[in-house]
């Protein structure tokens, strides 16, 4: 049993994990767990100041401010990740936004942005 526990502790050792929306909420919690597992993390979020505050000085961590709805920004982020770590093993598409208003009051610009971040961005990352 002990060898199984030890083996599981090393499950993510040196794996390269990309996490979107890593500055707060679920993305933050996921990142903290992967840090404990000694994974290499590449993270992006809209709020760079939060990423710096949380992850600055941590070994095996790369972070960058990225608008996940901007295809060119995503491509640059992924390219930089591969340049730094050599590969990507795991992608966690966590970034998301929500609108909290009645459907008849939602303006088109906000609705479009919601779809770009929540629906189209994960597809961009997977490509």
N, C-alpha and C. Protein backbone atom coordinates (compact mmCIF):
# COMPACT_ATOMS: atom_id res chain seq x y z
N UNK A 1 0.81 -1.20 0.00
CA UNK A 1 0.00 0.00 0.00
C UNK A 1 0.86 1.26 0.00
N UNK A 2 1.96 1.26 0.76
CA UNK A 2 2.82 2.44 0.82
C UNK A 2 3.40 2.78 -0.53
N UNK A 3 3.77 1.78 -1.31
CA UNK A 3 4.34 2.06 -2.63
C UNK A 3 3.30 2.68 -3.57
N UNK A 4 2.05 2.29 -3.42
CA UNK A 4 0.98 2.88 -4.22
C UNK A 4 0.78 4.34 -3.86
N UNK A 5 0.83 4.67 -2.59
CA UNK A 5 0.70 6.06 -2.14
C UNK A 5 1.87 6.88 -2.68
N UNK A 6 3.08 6.36 -2.57
CA UNK A 6 4.26 7.06 -3.09
C UNK A 6 4.16 7.27 -4.59
N UNK A 7 3.69 6.27 -5.30
CA UNK A 7 3.55 6.37 -6.75
C UNK A 7 2.55 7.47 -7.11
N UNK A 8 1.44 7.54 -6.40
CA UNK A 8 0.43 8.56 -6.66
C UNK A 8 0.94 9.95 -6.33
N UNK A 9 1.82 10.08 -5.35
CA UNK A 9 2.39 11.38 -5.01
C UNK A 9 3.21 11.94 -6.17
N UNK A 10 3.75 11.07 -6.97
CA UNK A 10 4.59 11.49 -8.09
C UNK A 10 3.81 11.57 -9.41
N UNK A 11 2.52 11.42 -9.36
CA UNK A 11 1.70 11.37 -10.56
C UNK A 11 1.88 12.60 -11.45
N UNK A 12 2.00 13.78 -10.86
CA UNK A 12 2.11 15.02 -11.64
C UNK A 12 3.49 15.64 -11.58
N UNK A 13 4.44 14.93 -10.98
CA UNK A 13 5.81 15.42 -10.87
C UNK A 13 6.37 15.71 -12.27
N UNK A 14 6.79 16.95 -12.48
CA UNK A 14 7.37 17.42 -13.74
C UNK A 14 6.42 17.39 -14.94
N UNK A 15 5.14 17.18 -14.71
CA UNK A 15 4.17 17.34 -15.79
C UNK A 15 3.97 18.84 -16.02
N UNK A 16 3.66 19.22 -17.25
CA UNK A 16 3.41 20.63 -17.58
C UNK A 16 1.91 20.83 -17.65
N UNK A 17 1.41 21.69 -16.77
CA UNK A 17 -0.02 21.93 -16.63
C UNK A 17 -0.32 23.38 -17.01
N UNK A 18 -1.22 23.58 -17.95
CA UNK A 18 -1.68 24.92 -18.33
C UNK A 18 -3.04 25.13 -17.68
N UNK A 19 -3.18 26.25 -16.96
CA UNK A 19 -4.43 26.57 -16.29
C UNK A 19 -4.85 27.98 -16.70
N UNK A 20 -6.05 28.10 -17.27
CA UNK A 20 -6.60 29.42 -17.56
C UNK A 20 -7.44 29.88 -16.38
N UNK A 21 -7.51 31.18 -16.17
CA UNK A 21 -8.28 31.70 -15.05
C UNK A 21 -7.69 31.30 -13.71
N UNK A 22 -6.37 31.40 -13.57
CA UNK A 22 -5.68 30.88 -12.39
C UNK A 22 -5.52 31.88 -11.26
N UNK A 23 -6.07 33.08 -11.40
CA UNK A 23 -5.83 34.10 -10.37
C UNK A 23 -6.81 34.07 -9.21
N UNK A 24 -7.90 33.34 -9.36
CA UNK A 24 -8.88 33.28 -8.26
C UNK A 24 -9.79 32.07 -8.42
N UNK A 25 -10.60 31.85 -7.41
CA UNK A 25 -11.61 30.79 -7.46
C UNK A 25 -11.04 29.41 -7.69
N UNK A 26 -11.73 28.65 -8.51
CA UNK A 26 -11.37 27.27 -8.78
C UNK A 26 -9.98 27.16 -9.43
N UNK A 27 -9.67 28.05 -10.36
CA UNK A 27 -8.36 28.02 -11.02
C UNK A 27 -7.23 28.19 -10.02
N UNK A 28 -7.40 29.08 -9.07
CA UNK A 28 -6.41 29.30 -8.02
C UNK A 28 -6.24 28.02 -7.19
N UNK A 29 -7.35 27.41 -6.80
CA UNK A 29 -7.29 26.20 -5.97
C UNK A 29 -6.64 25.03 -6.72
N UNK A 30 -6.96 24.92 -7.99
CA UNK A 30 -6.35 23.86 -8.80
C UNK A 30 -4.84 24.08 -8.90
N UNK A 31 -4.44 25.31 -9.16
CA UNK A 31 -3.01 25.62 -9.27
C UNK A 31 -2.26 25.29 -7.99
N UNK A 32 -2.84 25.64 -6.85
CA UNK A 32 -2.19 25.35 -5.57
C UNK A 32 -1.98 23.84 -5.38
N UNK A 33 -2.95 23.05 -5.80
CA UNK A 33 -2.81 21.59 -5.68
C UNK A 33 -1.70 21.06 -6.59
N UNK A 34 -1.63 21.57 -7.80
CA UNK A 34 -0.56 21.12 -8.70
C UNK A 34 0.81 21.56 -8.21
N UNK A 35 0.90 22.72 -7.56
CA UNK A 35 2.17 23.14 -6.97
C UNK A 35 2.61 22.13 -5.91
N UNK A 36 1.65 21.71 -5.08
CA UNK A 36 1.96 20.69 -4.06
C UNK A 36 2.46 19.40 -4.69
N UNK A 37 1.99 19.10 -5.89
CA UNK A 37 2.36 17.87 -6.59
C UNK A 37 3.64 18.02 -7.40
N UNK A 38 4.28 19.19 -7.30
CA UNK A 38 5.56 19.45 -7.97
C UNK A 38 5.44 19.47 -9.50
N UNK A 39 4.30 19.92 -9.99
CA UNK A 39 4.09 20.05 -11.44
C UNK A 39 4.68 21.38 -11.92
N UNK A 40 4.96 21.45 -13.21
CA UNK A 40 5.33 22.71 -13.85
C UNK A 40 4.03 23.39 -14.26
N UNK A 41 3.86 24.64 -13.86
CA UNK A 41 2.61 25.34 -14.16
C UNK A 41 2.81 26.51 -15.11
N UNK A 42 1.93 26.59 -16.08
CA UNK A 42 1.84 27.74 -16.96
C UNK A 42 0.41 28.25 -16.83
N UNK A 43 0.29 29.48 -16.32
CA UNK A 43 -1.04 29.98 -15.98
C UNK A 43 -1.29 31.33 -16.63
N UNK A 44 -2.55 31.57 -16.94
CA UNK A 44 -2.92 32.87 -17.46
C UNK A 44 -4.22 33.33 -16.81
N UNK A 45 -4.37 34.64 -16.81
CA UNK A 45 -5.57 35.26 -16.26
C UNK A 45 -5.63 36.70 -16.75
N UNK A 46 -6.75 37.35 -16.52
CA UNK A 46 -6.90 38.77 -16.88
C UNK A 46 -6.17 39.67 -15.89
N UNK A 47 -6.06 39.22 -14.65
CA UNK A 47 -5.49 40.07 -13.59
C UNK A 47 -4.06 39.64 -13.27
N UNK A 48 -3.11 40.21 -14.00
CA UNK A 48 -1.70 39.86 -13.83
C UNK A 48 -1.21 40.18 -12.43
N UNK A 49 -1.69 41.27 -11.86
CA UNK A 49 -1.24 41.65 -10.51
C UNK A 49 -1.56 40.55 -9.50
N UNK A 50 -2.68 39.86 -9.68
CA UNK A 50 -3.01 38.77 -8.76
C UNK A 50 -2.08 37.57 -8.98
N UNK A 51 -1.80 37.27 -10.24
CA UNK A 51 -0.88 36.16 -10.51
C UNK A 51 0.49 36.45 -9.90
N UNK A 52 0.97 37.67 -10.07
CA UNK A 52 2.27 38.05 -9.50
C UNK A 52 2.27 37.92 -7.99
N UNK A 53 1.22 38.39 -7.37
CA UNK A 53 1.12 38.36 -5.91
C UNK A 53 1.12 36.92 -5.39
N UNK A 54 0.43 36.04 -6.08
CA UNK A 54 0.27 34.67 -5.62
C UNK A 54 1.48 33.79 -5.98
N UNK A 55 2.00 33.93 -7.19
CA UNK A 55 2.95 32.93 -7.70
C UNK A 55 4.38 33.43 -7.88
N UNK A 56 4.63 34.72 -7.70
CA UNK A 56 5.99 35.24 -7.92
C UNK A 56 6.98 34.52 -6.99
N UNK A 57 8.09 34.09 -7.58
CA UNK A 57 9.12 33.43 -6.81
C UNK A 57 8.94 31.92 -6.67
N UNK A 58 7.83 31.41 -7.13
CA UNK A 58 7.61 29.96 -7.07
C UNK A 58 8.40 29.29 -8.19
N UNK A 59 9.05 28.19 -7.87
CA UNK A 59 9.80 27.44 -8.87
C UNK A 59 8.82 26.77 -9.83
N UNK A 60 9.25 26.59 -11.04
CA UNK A 60 8.49 25.85 -12.05
C UNK A 60 7.14 26.49 -12.39
N UNK A 61 7.08 27.82 -12.32
CA UNK A 61 5.83 28.51 -12.61
C UNK A 61 6.07 29.62 -13.63
N UNK A 62 5.22 29.65 -14.66
CA UNK A 62 5.20 30.74 -15.63
C UNK A 62 3.78 31.29 -15.63
N UNK A 63 3.65 32.61 -15.61
CA UNK A 63 2.32 33.20 -15.68
C UNK A 63 2.36 34.44 -16.56
N UNK A 64 1.20 34.71 -17.17
CA UNK A 64 1.10 35.82 -18.10
C UNK A 64 -0.34 36.31 -18.14
N UNK A 65 -0.50 37.61 -18.35
CA UNK A 65 -1.84 38.18 -18.56
C UNK A 65 -2.26 37.85 -19.99
N UNK A 66 -3.41 37.20 -20.11
CA UNK A 66 -3.91 36.81 -21.43
C UNK A 66 -5.42 36.99 -21.47
N UNK A 67 -5.89 37.63 -22.53
CA UNK A 67 -7.32 37.68 -22.80
C UNK A 67 -7.62 36.41 -23.60
N UNK A 68 -8.24 35.44 -22.98
CA UNK A 68 -8.43 34.13 -23.61
C UNK A 68 -9.34 34.19 -24.84
N UNK A 69 -10.04 35.29 -25.03
CA UNK A 69 -10.88 35.42 -26.22
C UNK A 69 -10.08 35.97 -27.41
N UNK A 70 -8.83 36.32 -27.19
CA UNK A 70 -7.94 36.84 -28.24
C UNK A 70 -7.08 35.70 -28.76
N UNK A 71 -7.41 35.20 -29.94
CA UNK A 71 -6.73 34.02 -30.48
C UNK A 71 -5.22 34.20 -30.60
N UNK A 72 -4.78 35.36 -31.04
CA UNK A 72 -3.34 35.61 -31.19
C UNK A 72 -2.64 35.62 -29.83
N UNK A 73 -3.27 36.19 -28.83
CA UNK A 73 -2.69 36.22 -27.48
C UNK A 73 -2.58 34.80 -26.93
N UNK A 74 -3.57 33.98 -27.18
CA UNK A 74 -3.55 32.58 -26.72
C UNK A 74 -2.42 31.83 -27.42
N UNK A 75 -2.28 32.01 -28.72
CA UNK A 75 -1.22 31.34 -29.47
C UNK A 75 0.16 31.72 -28.94
N UNK A 76 0.36 33.00 -28.64
CA UNK A 76 1.64 33.47 -28.10
C UNK A 76 1.91 32.86 -26.72
N UNK A 77 0.88 32.79 -25.90
CA UNK A 77 1.00 32.21 -24.57
C UNK A 77 1.39 30.73 -24.65
N UNK A 78 0.71 29.99 -25.51
CA UNK A 78 1.00 28.57 -25.67
C UNK A 78 2.41 28.37 -26.23
N UNK A 79 2.79 29.17 -27.21
CA UNK A 79 4.12 29.08 -27.79
C UNK A 79 5.20 29.34 -26.74
N UNK A 80 4.97 30.34 -25.90
CA UNK A 80 5.92 30.67 -24.83
C UNK A 80 5.99 29.53 -23.81
N UNK A 81 4.85 28.95 -23.49
CA UNK A 81 4.80 27.82 -22.56
C UNK A 81 5.65 26.66 -23.08
N UNK A 82 5.48 26.32 -24.35
CA UNK A 82 6.24 25.22 -24.95
C UNK A 82 7.72 25.57 -25.01
N UNK A 83 8.03 26.83 -25.26
CA UNK A 83 9.44 27.25 -25.29
C UNK A 83 10.08 27.07 -23.91
N UNK A 84 9.35 27.41 -22.87
CA UNK A 84 9.87 27.31 -21.50
C UNK A 84 9.96 25.87 -21.02
N UNK A 85 8.87 25.12 -21.20
CA UNK A 85 8.78 23.77 -20.62
C UNK A 85 8.99 22.63 -21.62
N UNK A 86 8.92 22.92 -22.90
CA UNK A 86 9.15 21.89 -23.91
C UNK A 86 7.94 21.08 -24.32
N UNK A 87 6.83 21.22 -23.59
CA UNK A 87 5.64 20.42 -23.88
C UNK A 87 4.47 20.92 -23.04
N UNK A 88 3.31 20.37 -23.30
CA UNK A 88 2.13 20.56 -22.46
C UNK A 88 1.52 19.18 -22.24
N UNK A 89 1.34 18.81 -20.98
CA UNK A 89 0.74 17.52 -20.66
C UNK A 89 -0.74 17.62 -20.33
N UNK A 90 -1.11 18.70 -19.65
CA UNK A 90 -2.48 18.84 -19.15
C UNK A 90 -2.96 20.26 -19.41
N UNK A 91 -4.19 20.39 -19.91
CA UNK A 91 -4.81 21.70 -20.11
C UNK A 91 -6.07 21.77 -19.28
N UNK A 92 -6.16 22.79 -18.43
CA UNK A 92 -7.37 23.01 -17.64
C UNK A 92 -7.96 24.34 -18.08
N UNK A 93 -9.01 24.24 -18.88
CA UNK A 93 -9.72 25.42 -19.39
C UNK A 93 -10.70 25.89 -18.33
N UNK A 94 -10.23 26.76 -17.46
CA UNK A 94 -11.02 27.18 -16.32
C UNK A 94 -11.57 28.61 -16.46
N UNK A 95 -10.97 29.43 -17.28
CA UNK A 95 -11.40 30.83 -17.39
C UNK A 95 -12.87 30.92 -17.78
N UNK A 96 -13.55 31.85 -17.19
CA UNK A 96 -14.97 32.03 -17.51
C UNK A 96 -15.50 33.32 -16.93
N UNK A 97 -16.54 33.83 -17.55
CA UNK A 97 -17.22 35.02 -17.06
C UNK A 97 -18.72 34.77 -17.05
N UNK A 98 -19.43 35.56 -16.28
CA UNK A 98 -20.89 35.42 -16.19
C UNK A 98 -21.55 36.79 -16.21
N UNK A 99 -22.72 36.83 -16.77
CA UNK A 99 -23.54 38.04 -16.78
C UNK A 99 -24.71 37.81 -15.83
N UNK A 100 -24.95 38.75 -14.98
CA UNK A 100 -26.06 38.58 -14.03
C UNK A 100 -27.11 39.66 -14.25
N UNK A 101 -27.85 39.49 -15.33
CA UNK A 101 -28.97 40.39 -15.59
C UNK A 101 -30.04 39.62 -16.36
N UNK A 102 -31.20 40.20 -16.39
CA UNK A 102 -32.29 39.56 -17.11
C UNK A 102 -31.97 39.54 -18.60
N UNK A 103 -32.41 38.50 -19.28
CA UNK A 103 -32.08 38.30 -20.69
C UNK A 103 -32.45 39.52 -21.54
N UNK A 104 -33.56 40.14 -21.23
CA UNK A 104 -33.98 41.29 -22.04
C UNK A 104 -33.12 42.54 -21.80
N UNK A 105 -32.29 42.50 -20.75
CA UNK A 105 -31.43 43.65 -20.45
C UNK A 105 -29.97 43.43 -20.81
N UNK A 106 -29.63 42.23 -21.26
CA UNK A 106 -28.25 41.95 -21.65
C UNK A 106 -27.97 42.63 -22.98
N UNK A 107 -26.87 43.39 -23.02
CA UNK A 107 -26.53 44.01 -24.30
C UNK A 107 -25.69 43.04 -25.13
N UNK A 108 -25.69 43.23 -26.42
CA UNK A 108 -25.04 42.31 -27.35
C UNK A 108 -23.54 42.20 -27.08
N UNK A 109 -22.88 43.30 -26.77
CA UNK A 109 -21.43 43.30 -26.54
C UNK A 109 -21.07 42.38 -25.37
N UNK A 110 -21.83 42.46 -24.27
CA UNK A 110 -21.57 41.61 -23.12
C UNK A 110 -21.86 40.14 -23.42
N UNK A 111 -22.94 39.89 -24.15
CA UNK A 111 -23.30 38.53 -24.52
C UNK A 111 -22.22 37.92 -25.42
N UNK A 112 -21.75 38.69 -26.37
CA UNK A 112 -20.70 38.23 -27.29
C UNK A 112 -19.42 37.89 -26.51
N UNK A 113 -19.03 38.75 -25.58
CA UNK A 113 -17.83 38.51 -24.79
C UNK A 113 -17.97 37.23 -23.95
N UNK A 114 -19.15 37.01 -23.40
CA UNK A 114 -19.40 35.80 -22.62
C UNK A 114 -19.19 34.55 -23.46
N UNK A 115 -19.71 34.55 -24.67
CA UNK A 115 -19.52 33.41 -25.56
C UNK A 115 -18.06 33.27 -25.99
N UNK A 116 -17.38 34.37 -26.23
CA UNK A 116 -15.97 34.31 -26.63
C UNK A 116 -15.12 33.67 -25.54
N UNK A 117 -15.37 34.05 -24.29
CA UNK A 117 -14.56 33.54 -23.17
C UNK A 117 -14.99 32.13 -22.78
N UNK A 118 -16.27 31.90 -22.65
CA UNK A 118 -16.76 30.62 -22.11
C UNK A 118 -16.87 29.50 -23.13
N UNK A 119 -17.06 29.83 -24.39
CA UNK A 119 -17.27 28.80 -25.41
C UNK A 119 -16.12 28.73 -26.41
N UNK A 120 -15.77 29.87 -26.99
CA UNK A 120 -14.76 29.86 -28.05
C UNK A 120 -13.34 29.71 -27.52
N UNK A 121 -13.01 30.32 -26.40
CA UNK A 121 -11.64 30.26 -25.86
C UNK A 121 -11.18 28.83 -25.59
N UNK A 122 -11.99 27.98 -24.97
CA UNK A 122 -11.52 26.60 -24.78
C UNK A 122 -11.17 25.90 -26.09
N UNK A 123 -11.91 26.20 -27.14
CA UNK A 123 -11.63 25.61 -28.45
C UNK A 123 -10.30 26.14 -28.98
N UNK A 124 -10.05 27.43 -28.81
CA UNK A 124 -8.78 28.01 -29.24
C UNK A 124 -7.62 27.33 -28.54
N UNK A 125 -7.74 27.12 -27.25
CA UNK A 125 -6.68 26.45 -26.49
C UNK A 125 -6.47 25.01 -26.95
N UNK A 126 -7.54 24.32 -27.27
CA UNK A 126 -7.41 22.93 -27.69
C UNK A 126 -6.78 22.78 -29.07
N UNK A 127 -6.91 23.77 -29.91
CA UNK A 127 -6.33 23.70 -31.25
C UNK A 127 -4.85 23.83 -31.14
